[in-house]
C-alpha atoms as a PDB file:
ATOM      1  CA  MET A   1      57.444  13.980  -6.290  1.00  0.00           C
ATOM      2  CA  ASN A   2      54.620  11.501  -6.293  1.00  0.00           C
ATOM      3  CA  LEU A   3      53.964   8.073  -8.162  1.00  0.00           C
ATOM      4  CA  ASP A   4      51.721   8.345 -11.410  1.00  0.00           C
ATOM      5  CA  PRO A   5      48.233   7.195 -11.025  1.00  0.00           C
ATOM      6  CA  LEU A   6      48.683   5.492 -14.274  1.00  0.00           C
ATOM      7  CA  ALA A   7      52.246   4.340 -13.898  1.00  0.00           C
ATOM      8  CA  GLU A   8      50.332   0.373 -14.628  1.00  0.00           C
ATOM      9  CA  SER A   9      49.347   1.375 -18.296  1.00  0.00           C
ATOM     10  CA  PHE A  10      52.706   3.349 -19.129  1.00  0.00           C
ATOM     11  CA  TYR A  11      55.434   0.938 -17.327  1.00  0.00           C
ATOM     12  CA  GLU A  12      58.165   1.663 -20.158  1.00  0.00           C
ATOM     13  CA  TRP A  13      58.140   5.117 -18.526  1.00  0.00           C
ATOM     14  CA  SER A  14      59.366   6.010 -15.160  1.00  0.00           C
ATOM     15  CA  PRO A  15      56.279   6.362 -12.790  1.00  0.00           C
ATOM     16  CA  TYR A  16      57.561   9.590 -11.597  1.00  0.00           C
ATOM     17  CA  ASN A  17      58.050  11.496 -14.859  1.00  0.00           C
ATOM     18  CA  TYR A  18      55.595  14.402 -15.818  1.00  0.00           C
ATOM     19  CA  SER A  19      53.868  14.289 -19.169  1.00  0.00           C
ATOM     20  CA  TYR A  20      56.087  12.048 -20.809  1.00  0.00           C
ATOM     21  CA  ASN A  21      59.472  14.307 -19.677  1.00  0.00           C
ATOM     22  CA  SER A  22      57.799  17.066 -22.445  1.00  0.00           C
ATOM     23  CA  PRO A  23      56.058  19.849 -20.196  1.00  0.00           C
ATOM     24  CA  ILE A  24      56.098  22.300 -23.182  1.00  0.00           C
ATOM     25  CA  ARG A  25      54.402  19.962 -25.196  1.00  0.00           C
ATOM     26  CA  PHE A  26      52.071  18.415 -22.887  1.00  0.00           C
ATOM     27  CA  ASN A  27      50.034  19.459 -19.885  1.00  0.00           C
ATOM     28  CA  ASP A  28      48.569  16.680 -17.282  1.00  0.00           C
ATOM     29  CA  PRO A  29      47.668  18.563 -14.213  1.00  0.00           C
ATOM     30  CA  THR A  30      45.271  15.454 -12.665  1.00  0.00           C
ATOM     31  CA  GLY A  31      48.194  12.982 -13.520  1.00  0.00           C
ATOM     32  CA  LEU A  32      45.106  11.260 -15.179  1.00  0.00           C
ATOM     33  CA  GLY A  33      47.272  11.197 -18.377  1.00  0.00           C
ATOM     34  CA  PRO A  34      47.519  13.709 -21.293  1.00  0.00           C
ATOM     35  CA  GLU A  35      44.964  12.016 -23.580  1.00  0.00           C
ATOM     36  CA  ASP A  36      41.359  13.019 -24.965  1.00  0.00           C
ATOM     37  CA  TRP A  37      40.783  10.924 -27.658  1.00  0.00           C
ATOM     38  CA  VAL A  38      37.268   8.906 -27.315  1.00  0.00           C
ATOM     39  CA  GLU A  39      35.811   6.081 -29.431  1.00  0.00           C
ATOM     40  CA  GLY A  40      32.047   6.517 -29.618  1.00  0.00           C
ATOM     41  CA  ALA A  41      29.620   4.033 -29.187  1.00  0.00           C
ATOM     42  CA  SER A  42      29.176   3.897 -33.216  1.00  0.00           C
ATOM     43  CA  GLY A  43      32.863   3.534 -33.704  1.00  0.00           C
ATOM     44  CA  ASN A  44      33.469   7.324 -34.511  1.00  0.00           C
ATOM     45  CA  ILE A  45      36.782   8.840 -32.983  1.00  0.00           C
ATOM     46  CA  TYR A  46      36.162  12.438 -31.393  1.00  0.00           C
ATOM     47  CA  TRP A  47      38.220  14.995 -29.275  1.00  0.00           C
ATOM     48  CA  ASP A  48      36.365  14.847 -25.676  1.00  0.00           C
ATOM     49  CA  GLU A  49      37.469  17.823 -23.557  1.00  0.00           C
ATOM     50  CA  ASN A  50      36.024  16.363 -20.712  1.00  0.00           C
ATOM     51  CA  ALA A  51      37.901  12.869 -20.709  1.00  0.00           C
ATOM     52  CA  THR A  52      40.821  12.518 -18.951  1.00  0.00           C
ATOM     53  CA  SER A  53      40.635   8.795 -18.279  1.00  0.00           C
ATOM     54  CA  GLN A  54      38.088   5.749 -18.744  1.00  0.00           C
ATOM     55  CA  ALA A  55      36.625   6.877 -15.647  1.00  0.00           C
ATOM     56  CA  THR A  56      35.541  10.448 -17.251  1.00  0.00           C
ATOM     57  CA  THR A  57      34.544   9.104 -20.414  1.00  0.00           C
ATOM     58  CA  LYS A  58      30.945   8.512 -21.006  1.00  0.00           C
ATOM     59  CA  GLU A  59      28.915   5.343 -20.725  1.00  0.00           C
ATOM     60  CA  GLY A  60      29.481   2.949 -23.539  1.00  0.00           C
ATOM     61  CA  GLU A  61      32.714   4.650 -24.636  1.00  0.00           C
ATOM     62  CA  LYS A  62      36.352   3.967 -25.148  1.00  0.00           C
ATOM     63  CA  TYR A  63      39.128   6.443 -23.740  1.00  0.00           C
ATOM     64  CA  LEU A  64      42.158   6.191 -26.136  1.00  0.00           C
ATOM     65  CA  GLY A  65      44.512   9.015 -25.148  1.00  0.00           C
ATOM     66  CA  LYS A  66      46.019  12.386 -26.571  1.00  0.00           C
ATOM     67  CA  ASN A  67      47.874  10.982 -29.258  1.00  0.00           C
ATOM     68  CA  VAL A  68      46.371   7.717 -30.612  1.00  0.00           C
ATOM     69  CA  LEU A  69      47.085   5.465 -34.135  1.00  0.00           C
ATOM     70  CA  VAL A  70      43.759   3.666 -34.737  1.00  0.00           C
ATOM     71  CA  ALA A  71      43.924   0.469 -36.718  1.00  0.00           C
ATOM     72  CA  THR A  72      40.528  -0.807 -38.184  1.00  0.00           C
ATOM     73  CA  HIS A  73      41.807  -4.508 -39.584  1.00  0.00           C
ATOM     74  CA  ASP A  74      39.855  -6.662 -41.851  1.00  0.00           C
ATOM     75  CA  ARG A  75      40.469  -9.689 -40.741  1.00  0.00           C
ATOM     76  CA  ASP A  76      38.023 -12.839 -41.428  1.00  0.00           C
ATOM     77  CA  GLU A  77      36.978 -15.830 -38.961  1.00  0.00           C
ATOM     78  CA  ASN A  78      40.159 -17.560 -39.785  1.00  0.00           C
ATOM     79  CA  GLY A  79      42.300 -14.305 -38.924  1.00  0.00           C
ATOM     80  CA  GLU A  80      43.374 -13.860 -42.361  1.00  0.00           C
ATOM     81  CA  GLU A  81      43.461 -10.340 -43.837  1.00  0.00           C
ATOM     82  CA  PRO A  82      43.471  -9.423 -47.399  1.00  0.00           C
ATOM     83  CA  VAL A  83      46.652  -7.359 -48.359  1.00  0.00           C
ATOM     84  CA  ASN A  84      46.476  -3.781 -47.708  1.00  0.00           C
ATOM     85  CA  GLY A  85      43.003  -4.496 -46.285  1.00  0.00           C
ATOM     86  CA  ALA A  86      43.641  -2.708 -42.969  1.00  0.00           C
ATOM     87  CA  LYS A  87      43.271   1.209 -42.316  1.00  0.00           C
ATOM     88  CA  PHE A  88      45.447   3.281 -39.892  1.00  0.00           C
ATOM     89  CA  ASP A  89      44.478   6.759 -38.651  1.00  0.00           C
ATOM     90  CA  LEU A  90      46.454   8.873 -36.907  1.00  0.00           C
ATOM     91  CA  TYR A  91      44.856  11.441 -34.233  1.00  0.00           C
ATOM     92  CA  LEU A  92      46.850  14.031 -32.703  1.00  0.00           C
ATOM     93  CA  GLU A  93      46.677  16.473 -29.939  1.00  0.00           C
ATOM     94  CA  SER A  94      47.679  19.434 -32.147  1.00  0.00           C
ATOM     95  CA  ASN A  95      44.945  18.684 -34.587  1.00  0.00           C
ATOM     96  CA  LYS A  96      41.841  18.263 -32.714  1.00  0.00           C
ATOM     97  CA  GLU A  97      39.533  18.582 -35.516  1.00  0.00           C
ATOM     98  CA  GLY A  98      39.921  14.999 -36.815  1.00  0.00           C
ATOM     99  CA  LYS A  99      42.354  12.645 -37.799  1.00  0.00           C
ATOM    100  CA  THR A 100      45.562  14.257 -39.171  1.00  0.00           C
ATOM    101  CA  ALA A 101      46.580  11.108 -41.451  1.00  0.00           C
ATOM    102  CA  THR A 102      45.592   7.995 -42.765  1.00  0.00           C
ATOM    103  CA  ILE A 103      47.158   4.937 -44.651  1.00  0.00           C
ATOM    104  CA  ASP A 104      46.132   1.226 -45.694  1.00  0.00           C
ATOM    105  CA  GLY A 105      48.419  -1.326 -44.471  1.00  0.00           C
ATOM    106  CA  ASN A 106      48.255  -4.852 -42.668  1.00  0.00           C
ATOM    107  CA  THR A 107      47.502  -5.986 -38.999  1.00  0.00           C
ATOM    108  CA  VAL A 108      48.723  -9.722 -39.593  1.00  0.00           C
ATOM    109  CA  PRO A 109      51.901 -11.387 -40.085  1.00  0.00           C
ATOM    110  CA  GLY A 110      53.243 -12.520 -43.404  1.00  0.00           C
ATOM    111  CA  ASP A 111      52.559 -16.257 -42.046  1.00  0.00           C
ATOM    112  CA  THR A 112      49.605 -16.493 -39.612  1.00  0.00           C
ATOM    113  CA  GLU A 113      50.190 -20.082 -38.627  1.00  0.00           C
ATOM    114  CA  LYS A 114      53.898 -19.282 -38.011  1.00  0.00           C
ATOM    115  CA  TYR A 115      53.981 -16.276 -36.313  1.00  0.00           C
ATOM    116  CA  GLY A 116      51.720 -14.599 -33.534  1.00  0.00           C
ATOM    117  CA  THR A 117      48.848 -12.402 -34.557  1.00  0.00           C
ATOM    118  CA  LEU A 118      48.507  -9.129 -32.274  1.00  0.00           C
ATOM    119  CA  THR A 119      45.002  -9.287 -30.171  1.00  0.00           C
ATOM    120  CA  GLU A 120      42.673  -6.221 -30.320  1.00  0.00           C
ATOM    121  CA  GLY A 121      43.111  -3.812 -27.676  1.00  0.00           C
ATOM    122  CA  LEU A 122      44.841  -0.546 -26.681  1.00  0.00           C
ATOM    123  CA  TYR A 123      48.612  -0.651 -26.028  1.00  0.00           C
ATOM    124  CA  SER A 124      50.824   2.234 -25.424  1.00  0.00           C
ATOM    125  CA  ALA A 125      53.104   3.342 -28.404  1.00  0.00           C
ATOM    126  CA  SER A 126      56.099   5.499 -29.076  1.00  0.00           C
ATOM    127  CA  TYR A 127      58.095   6.764 -32.309  1.00  0.00           C
ATOM    128  CA  THR A 128      60.992   5.049 -32.970  1.00  0.00           C
ATOM    129  CA  ASP A 129      63.574   4.497 -35.580  1.00  0.00           C
ATOM    130  CA  TYR A 130      63.473   0.996 -37.553  1.00  0.00           C
ATOM    131  CA  LYS A 131      65.315   0.278 -40.801  1.00  0.00           C
ATOM    132  CA  GLY A 132      66.127   3.614 -41.835  1.00  0.00           C
ATOM    133  CA  ASP A 133      62.407   4.971 -41.101  1.00  0.00           C
ATOM    134  CA  GLY A 134      60.264   6.205 -38.728  1.00  0.00           C
ATOM    135  CA  ALA A 135      57.890   3.508 -36.660  1.00  0.00           C
ATOM    136  CA  LEU A 136      56.070   3.333 -33.893  1.00  0.00           C
ATOM    137  CA  LEU A 137      56.937   0.730 -31.069  1.00  0.00           C
ATOM    138  CA  ILE A 138      53.839  -0.938 -29.504  1.00  0.00           C
ATOM    139  CA  ASN A 139      53.423  -1.893 -25.847  1.00  0.00           C
ATOM    140  CA  GLY A 140      56.930  -1.035 -24.885  1.00  0.00           C
ATOM    141  CA  GLY A 141      58.232  -3.975 -27.271  1.00  0.00           C
ATOM    142  CA  LYS A 142      57.183  -6.556 -24.854  1.00  0.00           C
ATOM    143  CA  GLY A 143      54.891  -9.006 -24.162  1.00  0.00           C
ATOM    144  CA  ALA A 144      52.267  -8.284 -26.614  1.00  0.00           C
ATOM    145  CA  PRO A 145      49.013 -10.751 -26.446  1.00  0.00           C
ATOM    146  CA  THR A 146      48.267 -12.514 -29.758  1.00  0.00           C
ATOM    147  CA  VAL A 147      45.196 -14.367 -30.920  1.00  0.00           C
ATOM    148  CA  ARG A 148      46.115 -18.051 -30.960  1.00  0.00           C
ATOM    149  CA  GLY A 149      49.522 -18.047 -29.796  1.00  0.00           C
ATOM    150  CA  ASN A 150      52.410 -17.893 -31.163  1.00  0.00           C
ATOM    151  CA  PRO A 151      54.183 -20.707 -32.751  1.00  0.00           C
ATOM    152  CA  ASN A 152      57.336 -19.025 -33.537  1.00  0.00           C
ATOM    153  CA  ASN A 153      57.858 -18.254 -29.608  1.00  0.00           C
ATOM    154  CA  GLN A 154      60.498 -21.035 -28.475  1.00  0.00           C
ATOM    155  CA  LEU A 155      58.911 -21.168 -25.045  1.00  0.00           C
ATOM    156  CA  ASN A 156      56.000 -22.976 -26.911  1.00  0.00           C
ATOM    157  CA  TYR A 157      58.249 -25.767 -27.942  1.00  0.00           C
ATOM    158  CA  ASN A 158      59.710 -28.896 -25.434  1.00  0.00           C
ATOM    159  CA  ALA A 159      63.337 -29.739 -25.055  1.00  0.00           C
ATOM    160  CA  ASP A 160      62.481 -32.493 -28.302  1.00  0.00           C
ATOM    161  CA  GLY A 161      61.081 -29.844 -30.175  1.00  0.00           C
ATOM    162  CA  THR A 162      57.518 -31.006 -29.958  1.00  0.00           C
ATOM    163  CA  LEU A 163      54.784 -28.124 -29.205  1.00  0.00           C
ATOM    164  CA  LYS A 164      53.575 -27.830 -26.069  1.00  0.00           C
ATOM    165  CA  PRO A 165      49.863 -28.324 -25.551  1.00  0.00           C
ATOM    166  CA  ILE A 166      49.578 -24.490 -23.998  1.00  0.00           C
ATOM    167  CA  SER A 167      51.446 -21.815 -26.173  1.00  0.00           C
ATOM    168  CA  GLN A 168      52.688 -18.468 -25.061  1.00  0.00           C
ATOM    169  CA  HIS A 169      50.257 -16.156 -26.177  1.00  0.00           C
ATOM    170  CA  ILE A 170      52.331 -13.179 -26.240  1.00  0.00           C
ATOM    171  CA  VAL A 171      55.069 -11.744 -28.849  1.00  0.00           C
ATOM    172  CA  ASP A 172      57.670  -9.235 -28.496  1.00  0.00           C
ATOM    173  CA  ASN A 173      58.947  -6.174 -30.608  1.00  0.00           C
ATOM    174  CA  ILE A 174      56.008  -5.340 -32.349  1.00  0.00           C
ATOM    175  CA  LEU A 175      56.143  -2.318 -34.261  1.00  0.00           C
ATOM    176  CA  PHE A 176      53.987  -0.146 -36.773  1.00  0.00           C
ATOM    177  CA  HIS A 177      56.401  -0.122 -39.501  1.00  0.00           C
ATOM    178  CA  LYS A 178      57.005   0.251 -43.237  1.00  0.00           C
ATOM    179  CA  GLY A 179      55.439  -2.439 -45.656  1.00  0.00           C
ATOM    180  CA  ASN A 180      56.820  -4.423 -48.380  1.00  0.00           C
ATOM    181  CA  TRP A 181      57.739  -1.662 -50.893  1.00  0.00           C
ATOM    182  CA  ALA A 182      58.975  -4.074 -53.865  1.00  0.00           C
ATOM    183  CA  ARG A 183      55.682  -5.914 -54.288  1.00  0.00           C
ATOM    184  CA  GLU A 184      52.024  -6.504 -53.044  1.00  0.00           C
ATOM    185  CA  SER A 185      52.981  -9.579 -50.255  1.00  0.00           C
ATOM    186  CA  LEU A 186      53.821  -9.473 -46.769  1.00  0.00           C
ATOM    187  CA  SER A 187      56.584 -12.098 -47.957  1.00  0.00           C
ATOM    188  CA  THR A 188      59.483 -11.447 -49.864  1.00  0.00           C
ATOM    189  CA  ASN A 189      61.703 -13.168 -52.936  1.00  0.00           C
ATOM    190  CA  MET A 190      64.414 -14.170 -50.297  1.00  0.00           C
ATOM    191  CA  PHE A 191      64.959 -17.092 -48.395  1.00  0.00           C
ATOM    192  CA  LYS A 192      66.950 -17.594 -45.080  1.00  0.00           C
ATOM    193  CA  ASP A 193      67.728 -21.252 -43.908  1.00  0.00           C
ATOM    194  CA  GLY A 194      65.523 -22.537 -46.224  1.00  0.00           C
ATOM    195  CA  GLN A 195      62.508 -20.348 -45.151  1.00  0.00           C
ATOM    196  CA  ARG A 196      60.871 -17.302 -47.100  1.00  0.00           C
ATOM    197  CA  VAL A 197      61.526 -14.306 -45.121  1.00  0.00           C
ATOM    198  CA  MET A 198      58.720 -12.260 -44.344  1.00  0.00           C
ATOM    199  CA  ILE A 199      58.172  -8.780 -44.059  1.00  0.00           C
ATOM    200  CA  SER A 200      56.290  -9.013 -40.566  1.00  0.00           C
ATOM    201  CA  GLU A 201      56.546 -11.842 -37.925  1.00  0.00           C
ATOM    202  CA  GLY A 202      53.711 -10.366 -35.995  1.00  0.00           C
ATOM    203  CA  CYS A 203      54.224  -6.665 -36.644  1.00  0.00           C
ATOM    204  CA  GLN A 204      51.585  -4.105 -37.980  1.00  0.00           C
ATOM    205  CA  THR A 205      52.384  -2.629 -41.339  1.00  0.00           C
ATOM    206  CA  GLY A 206      51.734   0.137 -43.785  1.00  0.00           C
ATOM    207  CA  GLY A 207      50.805  -0.558 -47.342  1.00  0.00           C
ATOM    208  CA  CYS A 208      52.601  -3.294 -49.944  1.00  0.00           C
ATOM    209  CA  GLY A 209      53.379  -2.900 -53.577  1.00  0.00           C
ATOM    210  CA  LYS A 210      54.951  -0.499 -55.658  1.00  0.00           C
ATOM    211  CA  GLY A 211      54.680   3.098 -54.653  1.00  0.00           C
ATOM    212  CA  THR A 212      53.860   2.705 -50.899  1.00  0.00           C
ATOM    213  CA  LEU A 213      57.208   3.778 -49.846  1.00  0.00           C
ATOM    214  CA  PRO A 214      56.651   7.387 -50.234  1.00  0.00           C
ATOM    215  CA  ILE A 215      53.159   7.126 -48.740  1.00  0.00           C
ATOM    216  CA  TYR A 216      54.458   5.631 -45.777  1.00  0.00           C
ATOM    217  CA  ARG A 217      57.124   8.043 -45.221  1.00  0.00           C
ATOM    218  CA  SER A 218      54.862  10.921 -45.645  1.00  0.00           C
ATOM    219  CA  PHE A 219      52.562   9.424 -43.166  1.00  0.00           C
ATOM    220  CA  ILE A 220      55.139   8.615 -40.634  1.00  0.00           C
ATOM    221  CA  GLU A 221      56.513  12.346 -40.518  1.00  0.00           C
ATOM    222  CA  ASN A 222      53.487  13.117 -39.014  1.00  0.00           C
ATOM    223  CA  ALA A 223      54.171  10.932 -36.178  1.00  0.00           C
ATOM    224  CA  LYS A 224      57.739  12.111 -35.368  1.00  0.00           C
ATOM    225  CA  GLY A 225      58.197  12.556 -31.644  1.00  0.00           C
ATOM    226  CA  PHE A 226      54.865  10.509 -30.778  1.00  0.00           C
ATOM    227  CA  LYS A 227      54.025   9.393 -27.642  1.00  0.00           C
ATOM    228  CA  GLY A 228      50.323   7.708 -26.700  1.00  0.00           C
ATOM    229  CA  SER A 229      48.395   5.029 -27.744  1.00  0.00           C
ATOM    230  CA  TYR A 230      47.733   2.279 -30.658  1.00  0.00           C
ATOM    231  CA  TYR A 231      44.230   1.104 -30.604  1.00  0.00           C
ATOM    232  CA  LEU A 232      43.544  -2.110 -32.878  1.00  0.00           C
ATOM    233  CA  ARG A 233      40.009  -2.945 -33.355  1.00  0.00           C
ATOM    234  CA  SER A 234      37.519  -4.714 -35.932  1.00  0.00           C
ATOM    235  CA  LYS A 235      35.250  -2.863 -38.351  1.00  0.00           C
ATOM    236  CA  PRO A 236      32.366  -0.776 -36.031  1.00  0.00           C
ATOM    237  CA  VAL A 237      29.392  -2.280 -36.621  1.00  0.00           C
ATOM    238  CA  LEU A 238      26.940   1.092 -37.368  1.00  0.00           C
ATOM    239  CA  ALA A 239      23.702   1.113 -35.894  1.00  0.00           C
ATOM    240  CA  LEU A 240      20.814   1.124 -38.189  1.00  0.00           C
ATOM    241  CA  PRO A 241      18.519   4.022 -37.275  1.00  0.00           C
ATOM    242  CA  PRO A 242      15.063   2.869 -35.898  1.00  0.00           C
ATOM    243  CA  ILE A 243      12.293   1.680 -37.922  1.00  0.00           C
ATOM    244  CA  VAL A 244       9.111   3.996 -37.870  1.00  0.00           C
ATOM    245  CA  PRO A 245       5.795   2.364 -38.853  1.00  0.00           C
ATOM    246  CA  PHE A 246       3.905   3.991 -41.021  1.00  0.00           C
ATOM    247  CA  SER A 247       0.357   5.162 -40.381  1.00  0.00           C
ATOM    248  CA  PHE A 248      -2.134   7.530 -41.831  1.00  0.00           C
ATOM    249  CA  ASN A 249      -5.697   8.564 -40.760  1.00  0.00           C
ATOM    250  CA  ARG A 250      -8.810   7.447 -42.963  1.00  0.00           C
END
């Protein structure tokens, strides 16, 4: 009967639905979201029974959600990433002890000069079907921000085909889906309109290379019915223990 207090964070859902329309699976008595995974100050992911929103999360920590796919990328200063250089960890409410599944993959498009690269951050995510296998739809499929714009976005071009000085830093239809199972590359051997066909035009993908398809299918099986968050981050910088000066009595 009341508007969801977190409606702006889950705009693809009705602001009047309760617990993702799954009251048997989820309990949300406060309306502050049925999510409780947290990123600690050192980058560790753990279940915090007291965290129901960012406001109830400890200082210096990040509230993630009850179900979250955490992607730790390996991008360099130019935004490039080695093939299969990223790691994806799946955390579910059904297993509060830690990650349920993990897989190597990619967080950059097949061509970082042509397609938009998703910006680090926390997004909504939900399970969907994609090309015969399961996948996760990120940010409701709309307007996800990119690192350096999106040259492939037609809104970036003038009527004469020249690139506008200010590009649209968004990309649509972003998913986490299977990688290139035929070879260890985000591009294929096929061409369309003179351009090589890419596995990813901005999506997040599982591993590429022979033998990766059954690994992906095993991983995504754990995410069937998933509704929660997608968290894209860089590798956490681990704090070194303080140096204790050595001293002794003569």
